[in-house]
Amino acid sequence: MPILSKYSDQQVENLVDDLLKTLVDHKAPLDLSLMALGNTLSHIINEKVPAKQKQALIDNFTQALKDSVK
């Protein structure tokens, strides 16, 4: 069953485009890009997700990431 989002595809695409543009503007190589995005994810999770929900969110996110790159 597809996951429904409260965000439109256009909202997601615009944000992703802005993030990618920033990486391109900084001429960030692959390893730096992944490191920066990983640090951003860690920061968001640590600042915004209650401790009791962190592990489930991380598990779901990592599975979604694995599924998206297959």
PDB file of N, CA and C in Angstrom:
ATOM      1  N   MET A   1       0.843  -1.172   0.000  1.00  0.00           N
ATOM      2  CA  MET A   1       0.000   0.000   0.000  1.00  0.00           C
ATOM      3  C   MET A   1       0.894   1.243   0.000  1.00  0.00           C
ATOM      4  N   PRO A   2       0.641   2.173  -0.908  1.00  0.00           N
ATOM      5  CA  PRO A   2       1.465   3.388  -0.942  1.00  0.00           C
ATOM      6  C   PRO A   2       1.241   4.232   0.311  1.00  0.00           C
ATOM      7  N   ILE A   3       2.294   4.924   0.690  1.00  0.00           N
ATOM      8  CA  ILE A   3       2.210   5.807   1.847  1.00  0.00           C
ATOM      9  C   ILE A   3       1.688   7.158   1.387  1.00  0.00           C
ATOM     10  N   LEU A   4       0.655   7.645   2.066  1.00  0.00           N
ATOM     11  CA  LEU A   4       0.104   8.953   1.746  1.00  0.00           C
ATOM     12  C   LEU A   4       0.824  10.007   2.571  1.00  0.00           C
ATOM     13  N   SER A   5       1.107  11.114   1.945  1.00  0.00           N
ATOM     14  CA  SER A   5       1.824  12.194   2.615  1.00  0.00           C
ATOM     15  C   SER A   5       0.931  13.413   2.723  1.00  0.00           C
ATOM     16  N   LYS A   6       1.121  14.151   3.803  1.00  0.00           N
ATOM     17  CA  LYS A   6       0.380  15.403   3.934  1.00  0.00           C
ATOM     18  C   LYS A   6       1.031  16.510   3.112  1.00  0.00           C
ATOM     19  N   TYR A   7       2.159  16.207   2.496  1.00  0.00           N
ATOM     20  CA  TYR A   7       2.873  17.174   1.659  1.00  0.00           C
ATOM     21  C   TYR A   7       2.677  16.811   0.194  1.00  0.00           C
ATOM     22  N   SER A   8       2.547  17.816  -0.636  1.00  0.00           N
ATOM     23  CA  SER A   8       2.379  17.559  -2.066  1.00  0.00           C
ATOM     24  C   SER A   8       3.711  17.124  -2.673  1.00  0.00           C
ATOM     25  N   ASP A   9       3.621  16.453  -3.799  1.00  0.00           N
ATOM     26  CA  ASP A   9       4.837  16.068  -4.521  1.00  0.00           C
ATOM     27  C   ASP A   9       5.654  17.310  -4.862  1.00  0.00           C
ATOM     28  N   GLN A  10       4.958  18.391  -5.213  1.00  0.00           N
ATOM     29  CA  GLN A  10       5.656  19.632  -5.587  1.00  0.00           C
ATOM     30  C   GLN A  10       6.431  20.207  -4.406  1.00  0.00           C
ATOM     31  N   GLN A  11       5.854  20.167  -3.199  1.00  0.00           N
ATOM     32  CA  GLN A  11       6.568  20.666  -2.018  1.00  0.00           C
ATOM     33  C   GLN A  11       7.842  19.866  -1.787  1.00  0.00           C
ATOM     34  N   VAL A  12       7.731  18.561  -1.894  1.00  0.00           N
ATOM     35  CA  VAL A  12       8.894  17.691  -1.681  1.00  0.00           C
ATOM     36  C   VAL A  12       9.937  17.943  -2.756  1.00  0.00           C
ATOM     37  N   GLU A  13       9.508  17.992  -4.009  1.00  0.00           N
ATOM     38  CA  GLU A  13      10.443  18.209  -5.113  1.00  0.00           C
ATOM     39  C   GLU A  13      11.152  19.559  -4.996  1.00  0.00           C
ATOM     40  N   ASN A  14      10.429  20.586  -4.606  1.00  0.00           N
ATOM     41  CA  ASN A  14      11.052  21.909  -4.455  1.00  0.00           C
ATOM     42  C   ASN A  14      12.124  21.899  -3.379  1.00  0.00           C
ATOM     43  N   LEU A  15      11.838  21.263  -2.258  1.00  0.00           N
ATOM     44  CA  LEU A  15      12.815  21.208  -1.175  1.00  0.00           C
ATOM     45  C   LEU A  15      14.036  20.388  -1.582  1.00  0.00           C
ATOM     46  N   VAL A  16      13.804  19.255  -2.218  1.00  0.00           N
ATOM     47  CA  VAL A  16      14.920  18.425  -2.679  1.00  0.00           C
ATOM     48  C   VAL A  16      15.763  19.190  -3.695  1.00  0.00           C
ATOM     49  N   ASP A  17      15.101  19.881  -4.608  1.00  0.00           N
ATOM     50  CA  ASP A  17      15.839  20.684  -5.596  1.00  0.00           C
ATOM     51  C   ASP A  17      16.720  21.731  -4.911  1.00  0.00           C
ATOM     52  N   ASP A  18      16.182  22.389  -3.873  1.00  0.00           N
ATOM     53  CA  ASP A  18      16.963  23.400  -3.150  1.00  0.00           C
ATOM     54  C   ASP A  18      18.158  22.773  -2.431  1.00  0.00           C
ATOM     55  N   LEU A  19      17.939  21.619  -1.832  1.00  0.00           N
ATOM     56  CA  LEU A  19      19.051  20.940  -1.144  1.00  0.00           C
ATOM     57  C   LEU A  19      20.136  20.538  -2.139  1.00  0.00           C
ATOM     58  N   LEU A  20      19.719  19.964  -3.259  1.00  0.00           N
ATOM     59  CA  LEU A  20      20.694  19.552  -4.273  1.00  0.00           C
ATOM     60  C   LEU A  20      21.420  20.754  -4.869  1.00  0.00           C
ATOM     61  N   LYS A  21      20.706  21.847  -5.079  1.00  0.00           N
ATOM     62  CA  LYS A  21      21.330  23.059  -5.616  1.00  0.00           C
ATOM     63  C   LYS A  21      22.416  23.562  -4.662  1.00  0.00           C
ATOM     64  N   THR A  22      22.139  23.497  -3.372  1.00  0.00           N
ATOM     65  CA  THR A  22      23.133  23.926  -2.384  1.00  0.00           C
ATOM     66  C   THR A  22      24.389  23.061  -2.472  1.00  0.00           C
ATOM     67  N   LEU A  23      24.214  21.759  -2.599  1.00  0.00           N
ATOM     68  CA  LEU A  23      25.376  20.873  -2.720  1.00  0.00           C
ATOM     69  C   LEU A  23      26.161  21.174  -3.998  1.00  0.00           C
ATOM     70  N   VAL A  24      25.459  21.417  -5.091  1.00  0.00           N
ATOM     71  CA  VAL A  24      26.119  21.748  -6.356  1.00  0.00           C
ATOM     72  C   VAL A  24      26.832  23.090  -6.240  1.00  0.00           C
ATOM     73  N   ASP A  25      26.163  24.086  -5.656  1.00  0.00           N
ATOM     74  CA  ASP A  25      26.768  25.419  -5.504  1.00  0.00           C
ATOM     75  C   ASP A  25      28.060  25.358  -4.693  1.00  0.00           C
ATOM     76  N   HIS A  26      28.126  24.438  -3.736  1.00  0.00           N
ATOM     77  CA  HIS A  26      29.329  24.286  -2.908  1.00  0.00           C
ATOM     78  C   HIS A  26      30.336  23.314  -3.527  1.00  0.00           C
ATOM     79  N   LYS A  27      29.969  22.786  -4.692  1.00  0.00           N
ATOM     80  CA  LYS A  27      30.826  21.806  -5.373  1.00  0.00           C
ATOM     81  C   LYS A  27      31.213  20.662  -4.430  1.00  0.00           C
ATOM     82  N   ALA A  28      30.227  20.223  -3.649  1.00  0.00           N
ATOM     83  CA  ALA A  28      30.474  19.170  -2.666  1.00  0.00           C
ATOM     84  C   ALA A  28      30.621  17.821  -3.363  1.00  0.00           C
ATOM     85  N   PRO A  29      31.750  17.141  -3.135  1.00  0.00           N
ATOM     86  CA  PRO A  29      31.898  15.794  -3.696  1.00  0.00           C
ATOM     87  C   PRO A  29      30.958  14.818  -2.974  1.00  0.00           C
ATOM     88  N   LEU A  30      30.845  13.633  -3.508  1.00  0.00           N
ATOM     89  CA  LEU A  30      29.926  12.627  -2.984  1.00  0.00           C
ATOM     90  C   LEU A  30      30.080  12.420  -1.477  1.00  0.00           C
ATOM     91  N   ASP A  31      31.305  12.196  -1.019  1.00  0.00           N
ATOM     92  CA  ASP A  31      31.487  11.892   0.399  1.00  0.00           C
ATOM     93  C   ASP A  31      31.090  13.066   1.293  1.00  0.00           C
ATOM     94  N   LEU A  32      31.418  14.283   0.883  1.00  0.00           N
ATOM     95  CA  LEU A  32      31.033  15.454   1.668  1.00  0.00           C
ATOM     96  C   LEU A  32      29.520  15.650   1.641  1.00  0.00           C
ATOM     97  N   SER A  33      28.905  15.433   0.485  1.00  0.00           N
ATOM     98  CA  SER A  33      27.452  15.549   0.375  1.00  0.00           C
ATOM     99  C   SER A  33      26.754  14.574   1.311  1.00  0.00           C
ATOM    100  N   LEU A  34      27.186  13.318   1.287  1.00  0.00           N
ATOM    101  CA  LEU A  34      26.573  12.314   2.163  1.00  0.00           C
ATOM    102  C   LEU A  34      26.814  12.628   3.633  1.00  0.00           C
ATOM    103  N   MET A  35      28.017  13.096   3.953  1.00  0.00           N
ATOM    104  CA  MET A  35      28.332  13.449   5.335  1.00  0.00           C
ATOM    105  C   MET A  35      27.450  14.605   5.804  1.00  0.00           C
ATOM    106  N   ALA A  36      27.297  15.627   4.978  1.00  0.00           N
ATOM    107  CA  ALA A  36      26.487  16.790   5.348  1.00  0.00           C
ATOM    108  C   ALA A  36      25.015  16.406   5.496  1.00  0.00           C
ATOM    109  N   LEU A  37      24.522  15.610   4.567  1.00  0.00           N
ATOM    110  CA  LEU A  37      23.125  15.178   4.663  1.00  0.00           C
ATOM    111  C   LEU A  37      22.913  14.274   5.886  1.00  0.00           C
ATOM    112  N   GLY A  38      23.852  13.405   6.148  1.00  0.00           N
ATOM    113  CA  GLY A  38      23.761  12.550   7.339  1.00  0.00           C
ATOM    114  C   GLY A  38      23.779  13.361   8.624  1.00  0.00           C
ATOM    115  N   ASN A  39      24.657  14.350   8.692  1.00  0.00           N
ATOM    116  CA  ASN A  39      24.698  15.218   9.871  1.00  0.00           C
ATOM    117  C   ASN A  39      23.406  16.011  10.018  1.00  0.00           C
ATOM    118  N   THR A  40      22.831  16.421   8.891  1.00  0.00           N
ATOM    119  CA  THR A  40      21.557  17.134   8.923  1.00  0.00           C
ATOM    120  C   THR A  40      20.457  16.232   9.462  1.00  0.00           C
ATOM    121  N   LEU A  41      20.411  14.995   8.996  1.00  0.00           N
ATOM    122  CA  LEU A  41      19.423  14.037   9.497  1.00  0.00           C
ATOM    123  C   LEU A  41      19.587  13.807  10.992  1.00  0.00           C
ATOM    124  N   SER A  42      20.818  13.606  11.428  1.00  0.00           N
ATOM    125  CA  SER A  42      21.076  13.398  12.857  1.00  0.00           C
ATOM    126  C   SER A  42      20.606  14.587  13.677  1.00  0.00           C
ATOM    127  N   HIS A  43      20.885  15.776  13.193  1.00  0.00           N
ATOM    128  CA  HIS A  43      20.475  16.994  13.896  1.00  0.00           C
ATOM    129  C   HIS A  43      18.948  17.074  13.992  1.00  0.00           C
ATOM    130  N   ILE A  44      18.265  16.840  12.879  1.00  0.00           N
ATOM    131  CA  ILE A  44      16.803  16.905  12.874  1.00  0.00           C
ATOM    132  C   ILE A  44      16.221  15.873  13.836  1.00  0.00           C
ATOM    133  N   ILE A  45      16.718  14.655  13.785  1.00  0.00           N
ATOM    134  CA  ILE A  45      16.212  13.599  14.668  1.00  0.00           C
ATOM    135  C   ILE A  45      16.468  13.955  16.124  1.00  0.00           C
ATOM    136  N   ASN A  46      17.675  14.398  16.433  1.00  0.00           N
ATOM    137  CA  ASN A  46      17.999  14.725  17.826  1.00  0.00           C
ATOM    138  C   ASN A  46      17.218  15.923  18.357  1.00  0.00           C
ATOM    139  N   GLU A  47      16.903  16.878  17.487  1.00  0.00           N
ATOM    140  CA  GLU A  47      16.210  18.094  17.922  1.00  0.00           C
ATOM    141  C   GLU A  47      14.688  17.981  17.891  1.00  0.00           C
ATOM    142  N   LYS A  48      14.158  17.155  17.005  1.00  0.00           N
ATOM    143  CA  LYS A  48      12.711  17.166  16.758  1.00  0.00           C
ATOM    144  C   LYS A  48      11.960  15.903  17.169  1.00  0.00           C
ATOM    145  N   VAL A  49      12.662  14.801  17.377  1.00  0.00           N
ATOM    146  CA  VAL A  49      11.984  13.532  17.635  1.00  0.00           C
ATOM    147  C   VAL A  49      12.126  13.162  19.113  1.00  0.00           C
ATOM    148  N   PRO A  50      10.994  12.892  19.777  1.00  0.00           N
ATOM    149  CA  PRO A  50      11.067  12.465  21.177  1.00  0.00           C
ATOM    150  C   PRO A  50      11.887  11.178  21.312  1.00  0.00           C
ATOM    151  N   ALA A  51      12.607  11.067  22.411  1.00  0.00           N
ATOM    152  CA  ALA A  51      13.513   9.935  22.627  1.00  0.00           C
ATOM    153  C   ALA A  51      12.814   8.590  22.441  1.00  0.00           C
ATOM    154  N   LYS A  52      11.585   8.485  22.905  1.00  0.00           N
ATOM    155  CA  LYS A  52      10.854   7.210  22.814  1.00  0.00           C
ATOM    156  C   LYS A  52      10.541   6.809  21.380  1.00  0.00           C
ATOM    157  N   GLN A  53      10.552   7.764  20.462  1.00  0.00           N
ATOM    158  CA  GLN A  53      10.190   7.483  19.074  1.00  0.00           C
ATOM    159  C   GLN A  53      11.398   7.394  18.145  1.00  0.00           C
ATOM    160  N   LYS A  54      12.573   7.732  18.639  1.00  0.00           N
ATOM    161  CA  LYS A  54      13.753   7.799  17.774  1.00  0.00           C
ATOM    162  C   LYS A  54      14.083   6.485  17.090  1.00  0.00           C
ATOM    163  N   GLN A  55      14.133   5.388  17.845  1.00  0.00           N
ATOM    164  CA  GLN A  55      14.557   4.125  17.252  1.00  0.00           C
ATOM    165  C   GLN A  55      13.601   3.665  16.165  1.00  0.00           C
ATOM    166  N   ALA A  56      12.296   3.781  16.401  1.00  0.00           N
ATOM    167  CA  ALA A  56      11.321   3.371  15.384  1.00  0.00           C
ATOM    168  C   ALA A  56      11.455   4.235  14.134  1.00  0.00           C
ATOM    169  N   LEU A  57      11.632   5.535  14.317  1.00  0.00           N
ATOM    170  CA  LEU A  57      11.784   6.430  13.172  1.00  0.00           C
ATOM    171  C   LEU A  57      13.045   6.083  12.388  1.00  0.00           C
ATOM    172  N   ILE A  58      14.142   5.856  13.093  1.00  0.00           N
ATOM    173  CA  ILE A  58      15.408   5.505  12.434  1.00  0.00           C
ATOM    174  C   ILE A  58      15.269   4.186  11.678  1.00  0.00           C
ATOM    175  N   ASP A  59      14.630   3.205  12.287  1.00  0.00           N
ATOM    176  CA  ASP A  59      14.429   1.915  11.617  1.00  0.00           C
ATOM    177  C   ASP A  59      13.588   2.074  10.351  1.00  0.00           C
ATOM    178  N   ASN A  60      12.497   2.833  10.457  1.00  0.00           N
ATOM    179  CA  ASN A  60      11.632   3.048   9.295  1.00  0.00           C
ATOM    180  C   ASN A  60      12.367   3.834   8.209  1.00  0.00           C
ATOM    181  N   PHE A  61      13.111   4.844   8.616  1.00  0.00           N
ATOM    182  CA  PHE A  61      13.841   5.658   7.645  1.00  0.00           C
ATOM    183  C   PHE A  61      14.894   4.832   6.920  1.00  0.00           C
ATOM    184  N   THR A  62      15.675   4.051   7.659  1.00  0.00           N
ATOM    185  CA  THR A  62      16.734   3.273   7.016  1.00  0.00           C
ATOM    186  C   THR A  62      16.152   2.226   6.069  1.00  0.00           C
ATOM    187  N   GLN A  63      15.016   1.644   6.441  1.00  0.00           N
ATOM    188  CA  GLN A  63      14.379   0.681   5.537  1.00  0.00           C
ATOM    189  C   GLN A  63      13.875   1.360   4.275  1.00  0.00           C
ATOM    190  N   ALA A  64      13.281   2.545   4.442  1.00  0.00           N
ATOM    191  CA  ALA A  64      12.803   3.302   3.278  1.00  0.00           C
ATOM    192  C   ALA A  64      13.970   3.690   2.371  1.00  0.00           C
ATOM    193  N   LEU A  65      15.096   4.065   2.965  1.00  0.00           N
ATOM    194  CA  LEU A  65      16.284   4.403   2.180  1.00  0.00           C
ATOM    195  C   LEU A  65      16.772   3.190   1.396  1.00  0.00           C
ATOM    196  N   LYS A  66      16.858   2.053   2.082  1.00  0.00           N
ATOM    197  CA  LYS A  66      17.290   0.815   1.405  1.00  0.00           C
ATOM    198  C   LYS A  66      16.356   0.486   0.244  1.00  0.00           C
ATOM    199  N   ASP A  67      15.055   0.592   0.485  1.00  0.00           N
ATOM    200  CA  ASP A  67      14.073   0.272  -0.559  1.00  0.00           C
ATOM    201  C   ASP A  67      14.171   1.242  -1.738  1.00  0.00           C
ATOM    202  N   SER A  68      14.484   2.493  -1.469  1.00  0.00           N
ATOM    203  CA  SER A  68      14.504   3.505  -2.524  1.00  0.00           C
ATOM    204  C   SER A  68      15.721   3.393  -3.437  1.00  0.00           C
ATOM    205  N   VAL A  69      16.772   2.725  -3.004  1.00  0.00           N
ATOM    206  CA  VAL A  69      17.970   2.621  -3.842  1.00  0.00           C
ATOM    207  C   VAL A  69      18.135   1.247  -4.480  1.00  0.00           C
ATOM    208  N   LYS A  70      17.149   0.406  -4.331  1.00  0.00           N
ATOM    209  CA  LYS A  70      17.211  -0.917  -4.954  1.00  0.00           C
ATOM    210  C   LYS A  70      16.982  -0.831  -6.428  1.00  0.00           C
TER     211      LYS A  70
END
